[in-house]
Amino acid sequence: MNTPIQTFLEHANAIILGKEKTIKLALACILSKGHLLVEDVPGVGKTTLAHCFARLLGLDFQRIQFTSDLLPADIVGSTIFDRNNGLFEFHPGPIFTRFVLADEINRATPKTQSALLEAMEERQVTIEKKTYPMSHPFIVMATQNPGYQIGTFPLPESQLDRFLMRLSIGYPDANAEKLLLSGADIRSQLESLNTAIDVDQLNSIQQQVSKAHVSEPLIGYVQALLECSRTSPLFSQGLSPRAGIALIQASKAWAVIDNRDSVYPEDIQAVFAAVTEHRLTLHNNQAPTERASSILLSEVAIP
């Protein structure tokens, strides 16, 4: 009998073809109570991935299309004076839902991007000195186009650090692309998806992830990776303690997806690039490649 996690992965892999590891990493991010950033060229399935996950999780969904003229109030909402009762009333924005797709987030200005910071980190929004809690669960999946494309604003380090993982979908392989070109309409397939992991099951699995065991030698392994990133001549900015916490959380989720309650070194290595690359900065101010994270893994001995 399939578990909810297995059912989720089977349905997701039937929609996003040939991207099994990417889908597994994205699920690990959500099971870690993290937010996900998907960076890639247009047309490879970033938005489809978000719709697919929202449907399979059975969560309320809102899509926010980020543009250069978008304002923070368009995201979080605003207070408007009601003449009938003589009071200011808060009108919540589209961020007040359980699953938010921040589409093309880097096409908005830094001021608008910053409207997400408090919601993503504190699970609340403060407007006019009043705090409004977010729904639970609260998941932000953002997409962005590569920085070299016209009309993009780079995400500041503080915003990048709010995302537990950054993934790239990439072009499909030849077999998957042939199925896409000759297959059924993806939109109709999405509409037919049923919930695979409901809210109660998601909460239960997230608690299971938090209780997964990480041995002392593996905590030392993560510490060694953090220290290596800080002292390596490759990087001008190493990994913070928050990055280490995110790495352990994601490793726990990867283990639970594989039906284990303890973390292996292979779990840390599997999620390492997705968790760390957007938090590292090379000395020439370029974003690290997968090779750079591989170098870190090769320089630190496995316990």
C-alpha atoms as a PDB file:
ATOM      1  CA  MET A   1       0.000   0.000   0.000  1.00  0.00           C
ATOM      2  CA  ASN A   2       1.381   3.400  -0.983  1.00  0.00           C
ATOM      3  CA  THR A   3       2.088   5.967   1.709  1.00  0.00           C
ATOM      4  CA  PRO A   4       0.855   9.559   1.201  1.00  0.00           C
ATOM      5  CA  ILE A   5       4.427  10.575   0.323  1.00  0.00           C
ATOM      6  CA  GLN A   6       4.731   7.861  -2.328  1.00  0.00           C
ATOM      7  CA  THR A   7       1.336   8.793  -3.771  1.00  0.00           C
ATOM      8  CA  PHE A   8       2.370  12.451  -3.886  1.00  0.00           C
ATOM      9  CA  LEU A   9       5.613  11.679  -5.715  1.00  0.00           C
ATOM     10  CA  GLU A  10       3.906   9.365  -8.226  1.00  0.00           C
ATOM     11  CA  HIS A  11       1.314  11.992  -9.192  1.00  0.00           C
ATOM     12  CA  ALA A  12       3.858  14.823  -9.313  1.00  0.00           C
ATOM     13  CA  ASN A  13       6.223  12.792 -11.507  1.00  0.00           C
ATOM     14  CA  ALA A  14       3.331  12.109 -13.897  1.00  0.00           C
ATOM     15  CA  ILE A  15       2.909  15.885 -14.394  1.00  0.00           C
ATOM     16  CA  ILE A  16       6.547  17.087 -14.295  1.00  0.00           C
ATOM     17  CA  LEU A  17       8.223  14.466 -16.465  1.00  0.00           C
ATOM     18  CA  GLY A  18      11.798  13.321 -15.972  1.00  0.00           C
ATOM     19  CA  LYS A  19      12.526  15.521 -12.929  1.00  0.00           C
ATOM     20  CA  GLU A  20      12.295  13.017 -10.071  1.00  0.00           C
ATOM     21  CA  LYS A  21      15.098  14.461  -7.932  1.00  0.00           C
ATOM     22  CA  THR A  22      13.872  18.040  -8.367  1.00  0.00           C
ATOM     23  CA  ILE A  23      10.374  17.033  -7.237  1.00  0.00           C
ATOM     24  CA  LYS A  24      11.768  15.099  -4.277  1.00  0.00           C
ATOM     25  CA  LEU A  25      13.889  18.086  -3.234  1.00  0.00           C
ATOM     26  CA  ALA A  26      10.888  20.424  -3.518  1.00  0.00           C
ATOM     27  CA  LEU A  27       8.813  18.106  -1.331  1.00  0.00           C
ATOM     28  CA  ALA A  28      11.663  17.886   1.192  1.00  0.00           C
ATOM     29  CA  CYS A  29      11.672  21.687   1.344  1.00  0.00           C
ATOM     30  CA  ILE A  30       7.956  21.812   2.165  1.00  0.00           C
ATOM     31  CA  LEU A  31       8.195  18.994   4.717  1.00  0.00           C
ATOM     32  CA  SER A  32      10.964  21.047   6.386  1.00  0.00           C
ATOM     33  CA  LYS A  33       8.499  23.976   6.738  1.00  0.00           C
ATOM     34  CA  GLY A  34      10.647  25.915   4.296  1.00  0.00           C
ATOM     35  CA  HIS A  35      10.041  28.171   1.306  1.00  0.00           C
ATOM     36  CA  LEU A  36      11.217  27.324  -2.197  1.00  0.00           C
ATOM     37  CA  LEU A  37      12.812  29.419  -4.943  1.00  0.00           C
ATOM     38  CA  VAL A  38      12.779  27.981  -8.475  1.00  0.00           C
ATOM     39  CA  GLU A  39      15.126  29.727 -10.899  1.00  0.00           C
ATOM     40  CA  ASP A  40      15.095  28.892 -14.591  1.00  0.00           C
ATOM     41  CA  VAL A  41      14.373  30.171 -18.074  1.00  0.00           C
ATOM     42  CA  PRO A  42      10.709  30.666 -19.061  1.00  0.00           C
ATOM     43  CA  GLY A  43       8.723  27.686 -20.279  1.00  0.00           C
ATOM     44  CA  VAL A  44      10.298  24.759 -18.427  1.00  0.00           C
ATOM     45  CA  GLY A  45       7.481  24.186 -15.908  1.00  0.00           C
ATOM     46  CA  LYS A  46       8.126  26.427 -12.885  1.00  0.00           C
ATOM     47  CA  THR A  47       4.522  27.591 -12.580  1.00  0.00           C
ATOM     48  CA  THR A  48       3.229  24.103 -13.356  1.00  0.00           C
ATOM     49  CA  LEU A  49       5.302  22.760 -10.456  1.00  0.00           C
ATOM     50  CA  ALA A  50       3.646  25.229  -8.065  1.00  0.00           C
ATOM     51  CA  HIS A  51       0.123  24.441  -9.276  1.00  0.00           C
ATOM     52  CA  CYS A  52       0.866  20.710  -9.054  1.00  0.00           C
ATOM     53  CA  PHE A  53       2.108  20.918  -5.464  1.00  0.00           C
ATOM     54  CA  ALA A  54      -0.803  23.097  -4.336  1.00  0.00           C
ATOM     55  CA  ARG A  55      -3.319  20.642  -5.825  1.00  0.00           C
ATOM     56  CA  LEU A  56      -1.621  17.568  -4.337  1.00  0.00           C
ATOM     57  CA  LEU A  57      -1.454  19.242  -0.917  1.00  0.00           C
ATOM     58  CA  GLY A  58      -5.062  20.421  -1.137  1.00  0.00           C
ATOM     59  CA  LEU A  59      -4.100  23.940  -0.032  1.00  0.00           C
ATOM     60  CA  ASP A  60      -5.705  27.301  -0.767  1.00  0.00           C
ATOM     61  CA  PHE A  61      -3.671  28.857  -3.588  1.00  0.00           C
ATOM     62  CA  GLN A  62      -2.929  32.412  -4.684  1.00  0.00           C
ATOM     63  CA  ARG A  63      -0.676  33.496  -7.527  1.00  0.00           C
ATOM     64  CA  ILE A  64       0.966  36.926  -7.370  1.00  0.00           C
ATOM     65  CA  GLN A  65       2.448  38.092 -10.680  1.00  0.00           C
ATOM     66  CA  PHE A  66       5.437  40.266  -9.806  1.00  0.00           C
ATOM     67  CA  THR A  67       6.026  43.238 -12.102  1.00  0.00           C
ATOM     68  CA  SER A  68       8.064  46.421 -11.849  1.00  0.00           C
ATOM     69  CA  ASP A  69       5.009  48.495 -10.878  1.00  0.00           C
ATOM     70  CA  LEU A  70       3.782  46.119  -8.147  1.00  0.00           C
ATOM     71  CA  LEU A  71       3.586  47.753  -4.698  1.00  0.00           C
ATOM     72  CA  PRO A  72       3.975  46.171  -1.236  1.00  0.00           C
ATOM     73  CA  ALA A  73       0.303  46.906  -0.483  1.00  0.00           C
ATOM     74  CA  ASP A  74      -0.650  44.822  -3.534  1.00  0.00           C
ATOM     75  CA  ILE A  75       0.866  41.835  -1.719  1.00  0.00           C
ATOM     76  CA  VAL A  76       0.132  42.237   1.990  1.00  0.00           C
ATOM     77  CA  GLY A  77      -2.993  44.412   1.781  1.00  0.00           C
ATOM     78  CA  SER A  78      -3.825  47.857   3.164  1.00  0.00           C
ATOM     79  CA  THR A  79      -6.104  49.720   5.545  1.00  0.00           C
ATOM     80  CA  ILE A  80      -8.952  51.662   3.939  1.00  0.00           C
ATOM     81  CA  PHE A  81     -11.236  54.175   5.593  1.00  0.00           C
ATOM     82  CA  ASP A  82     -14.863  53.061   5.742  1.00  0.00           C
ATOM     83  CA  ARG A  83     -17.137  56.100   5.688  1.00  0.00           C
ATOM     84  CA  ASN A  84     -20.133  54.119   6.903  1.00  0.00           C
ATOM     85  CA  ASN A  85     -18.666  53.260  10.305  1.00  0.00           C
ATOM     86  CA  GLY A  86     -15.951  55.918  10.428  1.00  0.00           C
ATOM     87  CA  LEU A  87     -13.175  53.367  10.952  1.00  0.00           C
ATOM     88  CA  PHE A  88     -10.122  52.139   9.074  1.00  0.00           C
ATOM     89  CA  GLU A  89     -10.529  48.515   8.002  1.00  0.00           C
ATOM     90  CA  PHE A  90      -7.776  46.150   6.945  1.00  0.00           C
ATOM     91  CA  HIS A  91      -8.242  44.510   3.550  1.00  0.00           C
ATOM     92  CA  PRO A  92      -5.883  41.507   3.377  1.00  0.00           C
ATOM     93  CA  GLY A  93      -3.798  40.976   0.264  1.00  0.00           C
ATOM     94  CA  PRO A  94      -3.254  37.749  -1.685  1.00  0.00           C
ATOM     95  CA  ILE A  95      -0.413  36.678   0.633  1.00  0.00           C
ATOM     96  CA  PHE A  96      -3.024  35.634   3.192  1.00  0.00           C
ATOM     97  CA  THR A  97      -3.430  32.087   1.955  1.00  0.00           C
ATOM     98  CA  ARG A  98      -1.737  28.767   2.616  1.00  0.00           C
ATOM     99  CA  PHE A  99       0.176  28.377  -0.663  1.00  0.00           C
ATOM    100  CA  VAL A 100       1.544  31.467  -2.410  1.00  0.00           C
ATOM    101  CA  LEU A 101       3.133  31.460  -5.848  1.00  0.00           C
ATOM    102  CA  ALA A 102       5.342  34.548  -6.158  1.00  0.00           C
ATOM    103  CA  ASP A 103       5.714  34.375  -9.918  1.00  0.00           C
ATOM    104  CA  GLU A 104       8.807  36.020 -11.448  1.00  0.00           C
ATOM    105  CA  ILE A 105       9.705  37.550  -8.108  1.00  0.00           C
ATOM    106  CA  ASN A 106      12.822  39.256  -9.443  1.00  0.00           C
ATOM    107  CA  ARG A 107      10.821  41.401 -11.870  1.00  0.00           C
ATOM    108  CA  ALA A 108       9.603  43.506  -8.935  1.00  0.00           C
ATOM    109  CA  THR A 109      11.651  46.214  -7.242  1.00  0.00           C
ATOM    110  CA  PRO A 110      13.572  45.450  -4.014  1.00  0.00           C
ATOM    111  CA  LYS A 111      11.018  47.506  -2.060  1.00  0.00           C
ATOM    112  CA  THR A 112       8.223  45.199  -3.208  1.00  0.00           C
ATOM    113  CA  GLN A 113      10.323  42.060  -2.717  1.00  0.00           C
ATOM    114  CA  SER A 114      10.876  43.095   0.901  1.00  0.00           C
ATOM    115  CA  ALA A 115       7.119  42.883   1.546  1.00  0.00           C
ATOM    116  CA  LEU A 116       7.579  39.111   1.791  1.00  0.00           C
ATOM    117  CA  LEU A 117      10.356  39.163   4.389  1.00  0.00           C
ATOM    118  CA  GLU A 118       8.312  39.283   7.599  1.00  0.00           C
ATOM    119  CA  ALA A 119       5.675  36.869   6.309  1.00  0.00           C
ATOM    120  CA  MET A 120       8.245  34.276   5.267  1.00  0.00           C
ATOM    121  CA  GLU A 121      10.346  34.450   8.427  1.00  0.00           C
ATOM    122  CA  GLU A 122       7.875  35.307  11.199  1.00  0.00           C
ATOM    123  CA  ARG A 123       4.676  33.917   9.651  1.00  0.00           C
ATOM    124  CA  GLN A 124       2.987  37.262  10.261  1.00  0.00           C
ATOM    125  CA  VAL A 125       2.497  40.690   8.680  1.00  0.00           C
ATOM    126  CA  THR A 126       2.607  44.001  10.547  1.00  0.00           C
ATOM    127  CA  ILE A 127       0.577  46.887   9.091  1.00  0.00           C
ATOM    128  CA  GLU A 128      -0.145  50.174  10.874  1.00  0.00           C
ATOM    129  CA  LYS A 129       1.380  48.779  14.104  1.00  0.00           C
ATOM    130  CA  LYS A 130      -1.020  45.833  14.079  1.00  0.00           C
ATOM    131  CA  THR A 131       0.115  42.241  13.526  1.00  0.00           C
ATOM    132  CA  TYR A 132      -1.837  39.732  11.424  1.00  0.00           C
ATOM    133  CA  PRO A 133      -0.855  36.038  11.611  1.00  0.00           C
ATOM    134  CA  MET A 134      -0.504  33.943   8.473  1.00  0.00           C
ATOM    135  CA  SER A 135      -2.393  30.731   7.828  1.00  0.00           C
ATOM    136  CA  HIS A 136      -0.868  27.400   8.817  1.00  0.00           C
ATOM    137  CA  PRO A 137       0.720  25.860   6.897  1.00  0.00           C
ATOM    138  CA  PHE A 138       2.125  28.857   5.015  1.00  0.00           C
ATOM    139  CA  ILE A 139       4.257  28.076   1.961  1.00  0.00           C
ATOM    140  CA  VAL A 140       5.861  30.482  -0.490  1.00  0.00           C
ATOM    141  CA  MET A 141       7.081  29.049  -3.781  1.00  0.00           C
ATOM    142  CA  ALA A 142       8.733  31.768  -5.837  1.00  0.00           C
ATOM    143  CA  THR A 143       9.949  31.624  -9.410  1.00  0.00           C
ATOM    144  CA  GLN A 144      12.559  33.847 -10.975  1.00  0.00           C
ATOM    145  CA  ASN A 145      14.175  34.241 -14.355  1.00  0.00           C
ATOM    146  CA  PRO A 146      17.973  34.228 -14.694  1.00  0.00           C
ATOM    147  CA  GLY A 147      19.532  37.549 -13.711  1.00  0.00           C
ATOM    148  CA  TYR A 148      20.961  38.175 -17.171  1.00  0.00           C
ATOM    149  CA  GLN A 149      17.466  38.563 -18.646  1.00  0.00           C
ATOM    150  CA  ILE A 150      16.075  42.049 -19.291  1.00  0.00           C
ATOM    151  CA  GLY A 151      13.917  43.668 -16.617  1.00  0.00           C
ATOM    152  CA  THR A 152      15.099  41.750 -13.563  1.00  0.00           C
ATOM    153  CA  PHE A 153      16.173  43.022 -10.130  1.00  0.00           C
ATOM    154  CA  PRO A 154      18.576  40.793  -8.187  1.00  0.00           C
ATOM    155  CA  LEU A 155      17.218  39.440  -4.913  1.00  0.00           C
ATOM    156  CA  PRO A 156      19.210  40.772  -1.930  1.00  0.00           C
ATOM    157  CA  GLU A 157      20.977  38.308   0.350  1.00  0.00           C
ATOM    158  CA  SER A 158      18.401  38.829   3.101  1.00  0.00           C
ATOM    159  CA  GLN A 159      15.597  37.776   0.738  1.00  0.00           C
ATOM    160  CA  LEU A 160      17.520  34.814  -0.676  1.00  0.00           C
ATOM    161  CA  ASP A 161      18.230  33.574   2.841  1.00  0.00           C
ATOM    162  CA  ARG A 162      14.481  33.295   3.528  1.00  0.00           C
ATOM    163  CA  PHE A 163      14.292  30.470   0.973  1.00  0.00           C
ATOM    164  CA  LEU A 164      15.326  27.132   2.401  1.00  0.00           C
ATOM    165  CA  MET A 165      16.127  25.818  -1.095  1.00  0.00           C
ATOM    166  CA  ARG A 166      16.769  27.098  -4.585  1.00  0.00           C
ATOM    167  CA  LEU A 167      16.151  24.665  -7.431  1.00  0.00           C
ATOM    168  CA  SER A 168      16.423  24.658 -11.190  1.00  0.00           C
ATOM    169  CA  ILE A 169      14.134  22.468 -13.291  1.00  0.00           C
ATOM    170  CA  GLY A 170      16.133  22.519 -16.524  1.00  0.00           C
ATOM    171  CA  TYR A 171      15.162  21.300 -19.954  1.00  0.00           C
ATOM    172  CA  PRO A 172      13.588  17.826 -20.152  1.00  0.00           C
ATOM    173  CA  ASP A 173      15.501  14.896 -21.583  1.00  0.00           C
ATOM    174  CA  ALA A 174      14.621  13.623 -25.057  1.00  0.00           C
ATOM    175  CA  ASN A 175      12.136  10.962 -23.919  1.00  0.00           C
ATOM    176  CA  ALA A 176      10.319  13.291 -21.499  1.00  0.00           C
ATOM    177  CA  GLU A 177      10.144  16.062 -24.103  1.00  0.00           C
ATOM    178  CA  LYS A 178       8.697  13.659 -26.677  1.00  0.00           C
ATOM    179  CA  LEU A 179       5.973  12.678 -24.207  1.00  0.00           C
ATOM    180  CA  LEU A 180       5.279  16.363 -23.528  1.00  0.00           C
ATOM    181  CA  LEU A 181       4.980  17.179 -27.217  1.00  0.00           C
ATOM    182  CA  SER A 182       2.678  14.260 -27.965  1.00  0.00           C
ATOM    183  CA  GLY A 183       0.851  13.938 -24.660  1.00  0.00           C
ATOM    184  CA  ALA A 184      -2.336  15.251 -23.103  1.00  0.00           C
ATOM    185  CA  ASP A 185      -2.943  18.830 -22.027  1.00  0.00           C
ATOM    186  CA  ILE A 186      -1.069  19.502 -18.769  1.00  0.00           C
ATOM    187  CA  ARG A 187      -3.721  21.963 -17.579  1.00  0.00           C
ATOM    188  CA  SER A 188      -6.447  19.345 -17.743  1.00  0.00           C
ATOM    189  CA  GLN A 189      -4.190  16.863 -15.940  1.00  0.00           C
ATOM    190  CA  LEU A 190      -3.630  19.389 -13.163  1.00  0.00           C
ATOM    191  CA  GLU A 191      -7.363  19.967 -12.756  1.00  0.00           C
ATOM    192  CA  SER A 192      -7.937  16.236 -12.333  1.00  0.00           C
ATOM    193  CA  LEU A 193      -5.386  15.859  -9.518  1.00  0.00           C
ATOM    194  CA  ASN A 194      -6.702  14.866  -6.107  1.00  0.00           C
ATOM    195  CA  THR A 195      -5.181  15.661  -2.723  1.00  0.00           C
ATOM    196  CA  ALA A 196      -2.379  13.220  -1.883  1.00  0.00           C
ATOM    197  CA  ILE A 197      -1.285  14.745   1.447  1.00  0.00           C
ATOM    198  CA  ASP A 198      -3.979  16.672   3.311  1.00  0.00           C
ATOM    199  CA  VAL A 199      -3.335  19.345   5.941  1.00  0.00           C
ATOM    200  CA  ASP A 200      -3.487  16.946   8.898  1.00  0.00           C
ATOM    201  CA  GLN A 201      -1.136  14.499   7.186  1.00  0.00           C
ATOM    202  CA  LEU A 202       1.218  17.339   6.257  1.00  0.00           C
ATOM    203  CA  ASN A 203       1.347  18.518   9.867  1.00  0.00           C
ATOM    204  CA  SER A 204       1.973  14.956  11.036  1.00  0.00           C
ATOM    205  CA  ILE A 205       4.797  14.397   8.529  1.00  0.00           C
ATOM    206  CA  GLN A 206       6.370  17.753   9.426  1.00  0.00           C
ATOM    207  CA  GLN A 207       6.372  16.697  13.090  1.00  0.00           C
ATOM    208  CA  GLN A 208       7.938  13.389  12.068  1.00  0.00           C
ATOM    209  CA  VAL A 209      10.652  15.326  10.220  1.00  0.00           C
ATOM    210  CA  SER A 210      11.402  17.477  13.263  1.00  0.00           C
ATOM    211  CA  LYS A 211      11.848  14.339  15.397  1.00  0.00           C
ATOM    212  CA  ALA A 212      14.190  12.532  12.977  1.00  0.00           C
ATOM    213  CA  HIS A 213      17.518  11.659  14.598  1.00  0.00           C
ATOM    214  CA  VAL A 214      20.781  13.345  13.650  1.00  0.00           C
ATOM    215  CA  SER A 215      23.845  11.831  15.315  1.00  0.00           C
ATOM    216  CA  GLU A 216      26.605  13.907  16.900  1.00  0.00           C
ATOM    217  CA  PRO A 217      29.139  12.957  14.191  1.00  0.00           C
ATOM    218  CA  LEU A 218      26.726  14.229  11.505  1.00  0.00           C
ATOM    219  CA  ILE A 219      26.223  17.508  13.360  1.00  0.00           C
ATOM    220  CA  GLY A 220      30.017  17.787  13.390  1.00  0.00           C
ATOM    221  CA  TYR A 221      29.998  17.052   9.648  1.00  0.00           C
ATOM    222  CA  VAL A 222      27.601  19.957   9.023  1.00  0.00           C
ATOM    223  CA  GLN A 223      29.739  22.210  11.211  1.00  0.00           C
ATOM    224  CA  ALA A 224      32.831  21.242   9.222  1.00  0.00           C
ATOM    225  CA  LEU A 225      31.057  22.070   5.947  1.00  0.00           C
ATOM    226  CA  LEU A 226      30.055  25.486   7.314  1.00  0.00           C
ATOM    227  CA  GLU A 227      33.597  26.193   8.494  1.00  0.00           C
ATOM    228  CA  CYS A 228      35.086  25.082   5.180  1.00  0.00           C
ATOM    229  CA  SER A 229      32.822  27.500   3.297  1.00  0.00           C
ATOM    230  CA  ARG A 230      33.985  30.359   5.546  1.00  0.00           C
ATOM    231  CA  THR A 231      37.695  29.645   5.159  1.00  0.00           C
ATOM    232  CA  SER A 232      37.748  28.460   1.528  1.00  0.00           C
ATOM    233  CA  PRO A 233      39.473  30.864  -0.913  1.00  0.00           C
ATOM    234  CA  LEU A 234      36.597  30.201  -3.338  1.00  0.00           C
ATOM    235  CA  PHE A 235      34.032  32.232  -1.425  1.00  0.00           C
ATOM    236  CA  SER A 236      33.855  35.804  -0.205  1.00  0.00           C
ATOM    237  CA  GLN A 237      30.834  34.922   1.929  1.00  0.00           C
ATOM    238  CA  GLY A 238      30.469  31.595   3.682  1.00  0.00           C
ATOM    239  CA  LEU A 239      27.489  29.797   5.159  1.00  0.00           C
ATOM    240  CA  SER A 240      25.709  31.161   8.239  1.00  0.00           C
ATOM    241  CA  PRO A 241      24.390  29.153  11.207  1.00  0.00           C
ATOM    242  CA  ARG A 242      20.907  29.556   9.683  1.00  0.00           C
ATOM    243  CA  ALA A 243      22.179  27.759   6.583  1.00  0.00           C
ATOM    244  CA  GLY A 244      23.401  24.924   8.811  1.00  0.00           C
ATOM    245  CA  ILE A 245      19.991  24.647  10.474  1.00  0.00           C
ATOM    246  CA  ALA A 246      18.327  24.585   7.050  1.00  0.00           C
ATOM    247  CA  LEU A 247      20.743  21.870   5.907  1.00  0.00           C
ATOM    248  CA  ILE A 248      19.877  19.663   8.875  1.00  0.00           C
ATOM    249  CA  GLN A 249      16.126  20.260   8.433  1.00  0.00           C
ATOM    250  CA  ALA A 250      16.253  19.372   4.742  1.00  0.00           C
ATOM    251  CA  SER A 251      18.368  16.273   5.466  1.00  0.00           C
ATOM    252  CA  LYS A 252      15.787  15.090   7.986  1.00  0.00           C
ATOM    253  CA  ALA A 253      13.016  15.534   5.410  1.00  0.00           C
ATOM    254  CA  TRP A 254      15.027  13.637   2.786  1.00  0.00           C
ATOM    255  CA  ALA A 255      15.416  10.753   5.251  1.00  0.00           C
ATOM    256  CA  VAL A 256      11.669  10.717   6.083  1.00  0.00           C
ATOM    257  CA  ILE A 257      10.791  10.660   2.372  1.00  0.00           C
ATOM    258  CA  ASP A 258      12.989   7.552   2.145  1.00  0.00           C
ATOM    259  CA  ASN A 259      10.991   6.101   5.085  1.00  0.00           C
ATOM    260  CA  ARG A 260      13.777   6.448   7.674  1.00  0.00           C
ATOM    261  CA  ASP A 261      13.803   8.150  11.072  1.00  0.00           C
ATOM    262  CA  SER A 262      17.539   8.875  11.172  1.00  0.00           C
ATOM    263  CA  VAL A 263      19.800  10.901   8.888  1.00  0.00           C
ATOM    264  CA  TYR A 264      22.680   9.427   6.875  1.00  0.00           C
ATOM    265  CA  PRO A 265      25.607  11.376   5.394  1.00  0.00           C
ATOM    266  CA  GLU A 266      24.109  10.720   1.955  1.00  0.00           C
ATOM    267  CA  ASP A 267      21.013  12.716   2.962  1.00  0.00           C
ATOM    268  CA  ILE A 268      23.129  15.777   3.745  1.00  0.00           C
ATOM    269  CA  GLN A 269      24.971  15.440   0.451  1.00  0.00           C
ATOM    270  CA  ALA A 270      21.727  15.011  -1.513  1.00  0.00           C
ATOM    271  CA  VAL A 271      20.261  18.331  -0.351  1.00  0.00           C
ATOM    272  CA  PHE A 272      23.536  20.265   0.063  1.00  0.00           C
ATOM    273  CA  ALA A 273      23.605  22.100  -3.278  1.00  0.00           C
ATOM    274  CA  ALA A 274      19.925  23.108  -3.158  1.00  0.00           C
ATOM    275  CA  VAL A 275      20.238  24.470   0.382  1.00  0.00           C
ATOM    276  CA  THR A 276      23.585  26.256   0.125  1.00  0.00           C
ATOM    277  CA  GLU A 277      24.329  27.578  -3.358  1.00  0.00           C
ATOM    278  CA  HIS A 278      22.079  30.648  -3.147  1.00  0.00           C
ATOM    279  CA  ARG A 279      23.692  31.507   0.205  1.00  0.00           C
ATOM    280  CA  LEU A 280      27.279  31.470  -1.081  1.00  0.00           C
ATOM    281  CA  THR A 281      29.114  34.231  -2.924  1.00  0.00           C
ATOM    282  CA  LEU A 282      32.226  33.696  -5.014  1.00  0.00           C
ATOM    283  CA  HIS A 283      35.096  36.175  -4.804  1.00  0.00           C
ATOM    284  CA  ASN A 284      34.260  37.476  -8.286  1.00  0.00           C
ATOM    285  CA  ASN A 285      30.658  38.182  -7.105  1.00  0.00           C
ATOM    286  CA  GLN A 286      29.250  35.460  -9.321  1.00  0.00           C
ATOM    287  CA  ALA A 287      26.745  32.904  -8.099  1.00  0.00           C
ATOM    288  CA  PRO A 288      28.356  29.550  -7.244  1.00  0.00           C
ATOM    289  CA  THR A 289      27.884  26.691  -9.653  1.00  0.00           C
ATOM    290  CA  GLU A 290      27.107  23.123  -8.666  1.00  0.00           C
ATOM    291  CA  ARG A 291      30.804  22.414  -9.056  1.00  0.00           C
ATOM    292  CA  ALA A 292      31.581  24.857  -6.231  1.00  0.00           C
ATOM    293  CA  SER A 293      29.293  23.040  -3.775  1.00  0.00           C
ATOM    294  CA  SER A 294      30.765  19.738  -4.938  1.00  0.00           C
ATOM    295  CA  ILE A 295      34.227  21.039  -4.059  1.00  0.00           C
ATOM    296  CA  LEU A 296      33.063  21.756  -0.520  1.00  0.00           C
ATOM    297  CA  LEU A 297      31.693  18.229  -0.177  1.00  0.00           C
ATOM    298  CA  SER A 298      34.927  16.760  -1.508  1.00  0.00           C
ATOM    299  CA  GLU A 299      37.091  18.761   0.917  1.00  0.00           C
ATOM    300  CA  VAL A 300      35.258  17.666   4.087  1.00  0.00           C
ATOM    301  CA  ALA A 301      35.619  14.067   5.172  1.00  0.00           C
ATOM    302  CA  ILE A 302      32.451  12.021   5.792  1.00  0.00           C
ATOM    303  CA  PRO A 303      32.279  10.844   9.432  1.00  0.00           C
END
